Protein backbone atom coordinates (compact mmCIF):
# COMPACT_ATOMS: atom_id res chain seq x y z
CA MET A 1 13.18 -21.35 12.40
CA ARG A 2 15.77 -19.25 12.87
CA LYS A 3 16.74 -17.90 16.03
CA LYS A 4 15.33 -14.48 16.72
CA GLN A 5 17.53 -11.55 16.94
CA SER A 6 16.63 -7.65 18.79
CA ASN A 7 14.90 -5.36 16.59
CA LYS A 8 18.13 -3.05 17.55
CA GLN A 9 20.65 -5.37 16.20
CA LYS A 10 18.27 -6.06 12.91
CA LEU A 11 18.00 -2.19 11.89
CA ALA A 12 20.07 -0.76 9.82
CA THR A 13 20.24 3.24 9.64
CA SER A 14 22.12 5.96 8.05
CA GLN A 15 23.43 9.09 9.73
CA LEU A 16 22.34 11.28 6.15
CA LYS A 17 20.31 14.06 6.53
CA MET A 18 17.69 13.57 4.02
CA ALA A 19 14.60 15.70 3.22
CA VAL A 20 11.82 13.11 2.77
CA VAL A 21 9.08 14.64 0.59
CA THR A 22 5.56 12.59 0.94
CA ASP A 23 1.93 13.62 0.04
CA PRO A 24 -0.99 15.13 2.67
CA LEU A 25 -0.61 13.20 5.84
CA TYR A 26 -3.69 12.82 7.48
CA LYS A 27 -4.64 8.97 7.43
CA PHE A 28 -3.22 5.50 8.23
CA GLY A 29 -2.57 3.33 5.40
CA GLY A 30 0.29 0.98 3.67
CA SER A 31 2.10 4.15 2.19
CA GLU A 32 2.08 5.63 5.73
CA LYS A 33 3.82 2.68 7.15
CA HIS A 34 6.15 2.25 4.36
CA LEU A 35 7.01 5.96 5.36
CA GLN A 36 7.54 5.02 9.12
CA TYR A 37 10.34 2.68 7.88
CA ILE A 38 11.91 5.40 5.63
CA LEU A 39 12.08 7.47 8.73
CA LYS A 40 13.36 5.02 10.61
CA THR A 41 16.37 4.43 8.22
CA PHE A 42 17.10 7.90 8.35
CA PRO A 43 16.60 9.29 11.74
CA ASN A 44 18.23 13.06 10.92
CA ALA A 45 15.61 13.81 8.26
CA GLU A 46 13.06 16.02 8.11
CA LEU A 47 9.47 15.72 6.45
CA PHE A 48 8.12 17.98 3.52
CA VAL A 49 4.49 17.87 3.08
CA PRO A 50 2.11 20.01 1.22
CA TYR A 51 -0.17 20.11 4.57
CA CYS A 52 -0.97 17.71 7.37
CA ASP A 53 -2.63 17.23 10.03
CA MET A 54 -0.45 17.73 12.94
CA GLU A 55 -2.37 15.77 15.61
CA PHE A 56 -2.07 12.55 13.21
CA VAL A 57 1.83 13.44 12.45
CA GLU A 58 2.90 13.88 16.18
CA LYS A 59 0.86 10.46 16.98
CA HIS A 60 2.38 8.09 14.20
CA PHE A 61 5.54 10.61 13.26
CA PRO A 62 6.74 11.49 16.48
CA SER A 63 10.24 13.40 17.21
CA VAL A 64 10.13 14.00 13.30
CA LYS A 65 10.43 17.87 11.82
CA VAL A 66 7.86 18.66 9.59
CA HIS A 67 7.46 21.50 7.13
CA GLN A 68 4.24 22.21 5.06
CA SER A 69 4.46 24.38 1.99
CA PHE A 70 1.70 27.25 1.55
CA LEU A 71 -1.28 25.25 1.10
CA ARG A 72 -1.23 24.95 4.76
CA PHE A 73 -3.16 28.11 5.13
CA PHE A 74 -5.68 27.52 2.61
CA PRO A 75 -9.30 26.49 4.22
CA TRP A 76 -11.25 23.27 4.03
CA LYS A 77 -8.22 21.41 2.95
CA TRP A 78 -10.05 18.24 4.37
CA LYS A 79 -13.15 18.26 2.41
CA LEU A 80 -11.23 20.17 -0.85
CA LYS A 81 -8.46 17.82 -1.04
CA TYR A 82 -9.08 16.61 -4.93
CA LEU A 83 -9.25 20.66 -5.65
CA TYR A 84 -6.16 21.22 -3.84
CA LEU A 85 -4.47 18.00 -5.49
CA LEU A 86 -4.13 20.44 -8.62
CA LEU A 87 -1.44 22.40 -6.40
CA HIS A 88 0.46 19.82 -5.25
CA PRO A 89 3.52 20.39 -8.01
CA LEU A 90 3.63 23.88 -7.30
CA ALA A 91 3.77 23.05 -3.45
CA PHE A 92 6.64 20.22 -3.84
CA LYS A 93 8.47 22.87 -5.81
CA SER A 94 8.30 25.54 -3.00
CA PHE A 95 10.80 23.61 -0.75
CA ASN A 96 14.05 24.43 -0.01
CA PHE A 97 16.35 21.62 0.55
CA LYS A 98 19.67 22.97 0.29
CA LYS A 99 20.89 21.92 3.64
CA PHE A 100 20.23 18.18 3.00
CA ASP A 101 22.63 15.53 1.96
CA GLY A 102 19.69 14.62 -0.82
CA VAL A 103 15.92 14.44 -1.64
CA LEU A 104 13.64 11.38 -0.88
CA SER A 105 10.47 11.77 -2.04
CA HIS A 106 7.33 8.91 -1.77
CA SER A 107 4.55 8.92 -2.60
CA ILE A 108 1.71 7.75 -5.40
CA ILE A 109 0.64 11.15 -6.71
CA PHE A 110 2.96 14.00 -7.22
CA ALA A 111 5.82 14.19 -4.43
CA LYS A 112 8.34 13.42 -7.73
CA PHE A 113 7.88 17.36 -8.73
CA ALA A 114 10.15 17.90 -5.79
CA ARG A 115 13.63 19.36 -7.00
CA ALA A 116 16.74 18.55 -5.70
CA PRO A 117 19.44 21.85 -5.59
CA LYS A 118 22.25 21.83 -7.76
CA GLY A 119 24.83 19.26 -6.69
CA LYS A 120 22.34 16.92 -4.85
CA LYS A 121 20.17 14.07 -5.96
CA HIS A 122 16.54 13.43 -5.90
CA ILE A 123 15.77 9.82 -5.29
CA ASN A 124 11.96 8.73 -5.97
CA SER A 125 10.38 5.82 -4.04
CA CYS A 126 7.21 4.71 -6.48
CA MET A 127 4.45 3.45 -4.84
CA SER A 128 2.92 3.38 -8.47
CA PRO A 129 2.21 6.43 -11.23
CA PRO A 130 -0.78 8.21 -10.19
CA LYS A 131 -3.85 5.91 -11.19
CA PHE A 132 -6.09 8.60 -11.75
CA LEU A 133 -3.78 9.60 -14.58
CA TRP A 134 -2.57 6.37 -15.84
CA GLN A 135 -4.83 3.75 -14.66
CA LYS A 136 -8.51 4.94 -14.82
CA SER A 137 -10.12 1.37 -14.65
CA ASP A 138 -8.24 1.30 -11.20
CA ARG A 139 -8.56 4.67 -9.86
CA SER A 140 -9.59 4.78 -6.15
CA LEU A 141 -11.00 8.43 -6.09
CA LYS A 142 -14.51 9.01 -5.56
CA ARG A 143 -17.37 9.25 -8.25
CA VAL A 144 -19.05 12.86 -8.57
CA ASP A 145 -22.46 10.75 -7.90
CA GLN A 146 -20.81 9.71 -4.65
CA LEU A 147 -20.76 13.28 -3.42
CA THR A 148 -22.65 15.86 -2.29
CA GLY A 149 -22.66 19.83 -1.87
CA LEU A 150 -19.91 21.65 -2.34
CA ASN A 151 -17.38 18.46 -2.52
CA ARG A 152 -19.58 17.57 -5.39
CA PHE A 153 -19.16 21.50 -7.29
CA PHE A 154 -15.13 21.26 -6.36
CA PHE A 155 -14.99 17.37 -7.69
CA LYS A 156 -16.37 18.54 -11.13
CA ILE A 157 -14.02 21.43 -11.22
CA TYR A 158 -10.93 19.11 -10.49
CA SER A 159 -12.47 16.47 -12.85
CA PHE A 160 -12.57 19.74 -15.79
CA PHE A 161 -9.07 19.65 -15.03
CA MET A 162 -7.95 15.87 -14.79
CA ASP A 163 -10.43 14.20 -16.86
CA THR A 164 -10.89 16.34 -20.02
CA PHE A 165 -8.29 17.41 -23.10
CA LEU A 166 -6.19 18.97 -20.13
CA GLU A 167 -5.38 15.28 -19.03
CA GLU A 168 -2.80 14.67 -21.69
CA TYR A 169 -0.98 18.14 -20.41
CA TRP A 170 -0.90 16.43 -16.78
CA LYS A 171 0.29 12.92 -18.16
CA LYS A 172 3.32 15.31 -19.82
CA LYS A 173 3.93 17.08 -16.44
CA ASP A 174 4.03 13.96 -14.42
CA ARG A 175 6.31 12.07 -17.04
CA LYS A 176 8.49 15.05 -17.12
CA ALA A 177 9.11 14.83 -13.44
CA ALA A 178 9.64 11.41 -13.42
CA GLN A 179 12.35 11.67 -15.73
CA ARG A 180 13.89 14.63 -13.67
CA VAL A 181 14.40 11.96 -10.73
CA ASP A 182 17.74 11.02 -10.40
CA HIS A 183 16.98 7.66 -9.34
CA MET A 184 13.75 5.87 -8.98
CA ILE A 185 12.91 2.76 -6.41
CA ALA A 186 9.60 0.26 -7.27
CA ASN A 187 7.96 -1.36 -4.66
CA SER A 188 7.61 -4.32 -7.05
CA LYS A 189 8.62 -5.30 -10.14
CA THR A 190 4.74 -5.03 -11.06
CA VAL A 191 5.06 -1.38 -10.58
CA GLN A 192 8.81 -1.55 -12.10
CA LYS A 193 7.11 -2.55 -15.36
CA ARG A 194 4.13 0.36 -15.13
CA ILE A 195 7.15 2.99 -14.65
CA LYS A 196 9.15 1.95 -17.75
CA LYS A 197 5.52 1.86 -19.48
CA TYR A 198 4.25 5.39 -18.51
CA TYR A 199 7.50 7.05 -17.61
CA ASP A 200 10.60 4.96 -19.77
CA VAL A 201 12.16 5.06 -16.48
CA ASP A 202 14.33 2.07 -15.30
CA ALA A 203 13.34 1.63 -11.59
CA ASP A 204 15.08 -0.60 -9.34
CA VAL A 205 13.07 -2.79 -6.92
CA ILE A 206 12.95 -2.59 -3.31
CA TYR A 207 9.77 -4.80 -1.62
CA PRO A 208 8.38 -2.55 0.94
CA PRO A 209 8.57 -3.24 4.50
CA VAL A 210 6.30 -5.78 6.52
CA GLU A 211 6.44 -6.10 10.36
CA VAL A 212 7.04 -10.10 10.05
CA SER A 213 9.01 -10.43 12.81
CA GLN A 214 6.73 -8.63 15.35
CA MET A 215 4.09 -10.81 13.89
CA GLN A 216 6.19 -13.93 14.36
CA GLU A 217 6.94 -12.84 18.66
CA GLY A 218 4.57 -15.29 20.94
CA LYS A 219 3.23 -18.63 20.35
CA PRO A 220 2.10 -19.86 16.76
CA LEU A 221 -1.03 -21.78 16.76
CA ASN A 222 -1.21 -25.33 15.39
CA ARG A 223 -5.03 -25.67 14.44
CA ARG A 224 -7.08 -23.64 12.07
CA GLU A 225 -10.83 -22.77 12.38
CA ASN A 226 -13.22 -23.46 9.88
CA TRP A 227 -13.81 -20.12 8.01
CA PHE A 228 -11.94 -17.79 5.48
CA LEU A 229 -10.62 -14.38 6.11
CA TYR A 230 -11.11 -11.06 4.33
CA LEU A 231 -9.21 -8.37 5.51
CA GLY A 232 -8.88 -5.09 3.96
CA ARG A 233 -10.83 -1.82 2.93
CA ILE A 234 -14.39 -2.61 1.77
CA GLU A 235 -14.22 -0.92 -1.62
CA THR A 236 -15.04 -2.36 -5.04
CA TYR A 237 -12.04 -2.08 -6.31
CA LYS A 238 -10.55 -4.54 -3.73
CA GLY A 239 -12.89 -7.42 -4.85
CA ILE A 240 -15.11 -7.88 -1.76
CA GLU A 241 -18.01 -8.39 -3.15
CA LEU A 242 -16.28 -11.54 -5.45
CA ALA A 243 -15.24 -12.87 -2.41
CA ILE A 244 -18.48 -12.75 -0.56
CA ARG A 245 -20.60 -14.10 -3.63
CA ALA A 246 -17.57 -17.22 -4.12
CA CYS A 247 -17.83 -18.09 -0.30
CA VAL A 248 -21.66 -18.08 -0.32
CA GLU A 249 -21.66 -20.03 -3.52
CA ALA A 250 -19.12 -22.91 -2.08
CA SER A 251 -21.06 -22.71 1.48
CA VAL A 252 -17.85 -21.92 3.50
CA PRO A 253 -17.67 -19.31 6.22
CA LEU A 254 -16.35 -16.01 5.70
CA LYS A 255 -15.16 -13.20 8.19
CA VAL A 256 -14.97 -9.72 6.75
CA VAL A 257 -12.47 -7.35 8.58
CA GLY A 258 -12.48 -3.97 7.65
CA LYS A 259 -14.58 -0.91 6.49
CA GLY A 260 -15.17 1.54 3.52
CA ASN A 261 -17.68 3.25 1.12
CA ASP A 262 -19.00 -0.50 -0.20
CA GLU A 263 -20.19 -1.06 3.54
CA GLU A 264 -23.48 -0.56 3.46
CA ARG A 265 -23.80 -2.09 -0.52
CA MET A 266 -22.06 -5.43 0.82
CA HIS A 267 -24.63 -5.64 3.64
CA GLU A 268 -27.53 -5.96 1.42
CA LEU A 269 -26.02 -8.41 -0.62
CA VAL A 270 -25.15 -10.88 1.90
CA LYS A 271 -29.22 -10.20 3.22
CA LYS A 272 -30.06 -10.39 -0.61
CA LEU A 273 -28.17 -13.85 -0.83
CA ASN A 274 -29.51 -14.72 2.23
CA ALA A 275 -25.99 -15.38 3.79
CA LYS A 276 -26.32 -13.50 7.23
CA GLY A 277 -25.09 -17.10 9.13
CA LEU A 278 -22.05 -17.52 6.30
CA VAL A 279 -20.88 -14.41 6.20
CA SER A 280 -19.47 -11.82 9.05
CA PHE A 281 -18.67 -8.29 9.26
CA LEU A 282 -16.28 -7.88 12.11
CA GLY A 283 -15.22 -3.98 11.07
CA PHE A 284 -11.85 -2.29 12.30
CA VAL A 285 -9.88 -4.65 14.81
CA SER A 286 -6.82 -4.05 17.00
CA GLU A 287 -3.53 -5.13 15.67
CA GLU A 288 -3.52 -7.94 17.93
CA GLU A 289 -6.87 -9.25 16.74
CA LYS A 290 -6.08 -9.00 13.43
CA VAL A 291 -2.80 -11.36 14.10
CA ASN A 292 -5.30 -13.87 15.95
CA LEU A 293 -7.80 -14.02 13.34
CA MET A 294 -5.05 -14.47 10.69
CA LYS A 295 -3.37 -17.43 12.64
CA ARG A 296 -6.85 -19.23 12.79
CA ALA A 297 -8.46 -18.51 9.26
CA ARG A 298 -8.00 -21.51 6.97
CA ALA A 299 -6.68 -19.22 4.52
CA LEU A 300 -6.86 -15.46 3.68
CA ILE A 301 -8.86 -14.15 0.57
CA PHE A 302 -7.07 -11.99 -1.63
CA PRO A 303 -9.45 -10.97 -4.56
CA VAL A 304 -7.40 -7.79 -6.02
CA ARG A 305 -6.64 -6.79 -9.43
CA GLY A 306 -3.41 -5.12 -10.39
CA GLU A 307 -2.04 -4.52 -6.53
CA ASP A 308 1.24 -3.00 -6.43
CA PHE A 309 2.17 -5.13 -3.80
CA GLY A 310 -0.01 -6.19 -1.42
CA ILE A 311 1.28 -6.43 2.35
CA VAL A 312 -1.68 -8.18 3.88
CA PRO A 313 -0.88 -11.65 1.87
CA VAL A 314 3.07 -11.19 3.31
CA GLU A 315 1.43 -10.82 6.69
CA ALA A 316 -0.97 -13.71 6.70
CA ASN A 317 2.15 -16.07 5.37
CA ALA A 318 4.31 -14.43 8.58
CA VAL A 319 1.61 -16.25 10.88
CA GLY A 320 1.69 -19.58 9.10
CA THR A 321 -1.31 -18.56 7.24
CA PRO A 322 -1.80 -20.00 3.43
CA VAL A 323 -3.18 -17.08 0.60
CA ILE A 324 -5.87 -17.72 -2.07
CA ALA A 325 -5.45 -14.57 -4.67
CA PHE A 326 -6.06 -13.84 -7.69
CA ARG A 327 -3.35 -14.34 -10.27
CA ASP A 328 -2.23 -10.58 -10.73
CA GLY A 329 -0.15 -7.66 -9.28
CA GLY A 330 2.28 -7.66 -6.83
CA VAL A 331 1.11 -10.76 -5.20
CA VAL A 332 2.33 -13.00 -7.76
CA GLU A 333 5.83 -11.90 -6.39
CA THR A 334 5.28 -12.80 -2.90
CA ILE A 335 3.13 -16.05 -2.85
CA SER A 336 4.58 -19.21 -3.97
CA GLU A 337 2.54 -22.03 -5.18
CA SER A 338 5.24 -24.44 -4.61
CA ARG A 339 8.53 -25.26 -3.02
CA PRO A 340 7.49 -23.76 -0.44
CA LYS A 341 3.55 -23.56 -0.98
CA THR A 342 2.25 -20.48 0.57
CA GLY A 343 -0.83 -19.98 -1.30
CA VAL A 344 -2.96 -20.84 -4.73
CA PHE A 345 -4.28 -18.72 -7.51
CA PHE A 346 -7.28 -18.46 -9.23
CA ASP A 347 -7.15 -17.09 -12.81
CA GLU A 348 -10.72 -16.49 -14.34
CA TYR A 349 -11.89 -12.98 -12.24
CA ASN A 350 -15.11 -14.30 -11.43
CA TYR A 351 -16.56 -15.62 -8.19
CA LYS A 352 -17.19 -19.24 -9.67
CA ALA A 353 -13.47 -19.81 -10.32
CA LEU A 354 -12.93 -18.36 -6.64
CA ALA A 355 -15.55 -21.08 -5.36
CA LYS A 356 -14.38 -23.74 -6.85
CA ILE A 357 -10.84 -23.34 -4.86
CA LEU A 358 -12.68 -22.91 -1.91
CA LYS A 359 -14.77 -25.81 -1.95
CA ASN A 360 -11.44 -28.23 -2.95
CA PHE A 361 -9.30 -26.24 -0.76
CA ASP A 362 -7.04 -28.92 1.78
CA ASP A 363 -5.66 -27.13 5.09
CA GLU A 364 -3.32 -29.90 5.13
CA GLU A 365 -1.57 -29.11 1.85
CA TYR A 366 0.27 -26.12 3.54
CA ASP A 367 2.75 -26.19 5.95
CA ARG A 368 3.10 -23.45 8.93
CA LYS A 369 6.95 -23.14 9.27
CA SER A 370 7.09 -22.82 5.25
CA CYS A 371 4.83 -19.89 5.24
CA MET A 372 6.73 -18.41 8.01
CA ILE A 373 10.28 -18.60 6.50
CA HIS A 374 8.82 -17.59 3.12
CA ALA A 375 7.50 -14.47 4.66
CA GLN A 376 10.67 -13.59 6.31
CA GLU A 377 12.25 -12.23 2.69
CA PHE A 378 10.22 -8.95 3.18
CA ASP A 379 10.79 -8.06 6.35
CA ALA A 380 11.25 -4.79 7.66
CA SER A 381 14.63 -4.84 8.62
CA ILE A 382 16.09 -6.23 4.88
CA PHE A 383 14.03 -3.06 3.88
CA MET A 384 15.74 -1.29 6.03
CA TYR A 385 18.86 -2.60 5.17
CA LYS A 386 18.18 -2.35 1.14
CA LEU A 387 17.07 1.24 1.33
CA LYS A 388 20.14 2.40 3.45
CA THR A 389 22.59 1.10 1.16
CA TYR A 390 21.01 1.95 -2.23
CA VAL A 391 20.47 5.73 -1.05
CA GLU A 392 24.02 6.15 0.14
CA ASP A 393 25.60 4.59 -3.13
CA ALA A 394 23.14 6.81 -5.05
CA LEU A 395 24.21 9.85 -3.24
CA GLN A 396 28.25 9.28 -4.03
CA ASP A 397 27.10 8.15 -7.81
CA ASN A 398 28.47 10.62 -9.82
């Protein structure tokens, strides 16, 4: 394997003073990790959000100056977040970016509505066009029957504005906002195609940052244990039920890491299938334990349809573990079935198709070192270099 360099040598940073605009900040996920590396790339940047949890921001984005919109004064922001979503476009338009070199918006919702001052450029890092508008079958917002009390009442108001005849109005506004942006970055070719389809905008692809170098520090394990791993949110759209049913069908052990709204139902499913000894739920684990589990698993199961990019499969490869995934979405761009062989896909989205692969899975076909080297293509240092170069070039473009 290549000789490791220090992070200080690897990380490319820009002296530009950028206004970085993003969605409300209150919970940590893939988008927030992406945002951390945007801010590392532009250490002079300031952050603009409709509203945020300041304790959360200080923990995950220390030393960054944060600007909140008029929505910070509104009550019950976390309970009424779906209702306040309707006001995000106004919040983003209310910011003044005159003292900045340019605007870099990053989100999956409405940050693209931010307006750069005359003579300045707006670059949008698009995680995906909003799925609640453009891909309703893949949407991850709660359904009204999952809510109670005031939340249910206000979600019905949200649904009236988003899910009725006004939906076309919101699509039109969202499309116009995307077309006003000077440059757009997609986080995968999958998202690039959606952007072209829904916005008729040609986006450039820069893959998200994955902490490959950090995960490859320390001693690699040379042995795999006799179980498979699911790592992610326990939500219906993540395909967790398919993974559980497939492992039971194939009679192979599965460890499930993560939590989510579908957790109780999945525990009931395991009980119903009489598979308590086969499927174990580990809940949330530390970053250290996550890496340890990935190293020990025979393979990571990634049963998600239409994932925008898919950081977890790259992380599994980073520590030498192969991936079994549904052939769809960004994972097709990151997992290789040959030369090097870092994983395998199933083509029919049902548990029997996955179970067939699990029954015939041969660990010896996958070389740890090949998986690890392949994952280095997505290292965070490469993301920072590409983003720095892209933004600097875009701001000079006439």
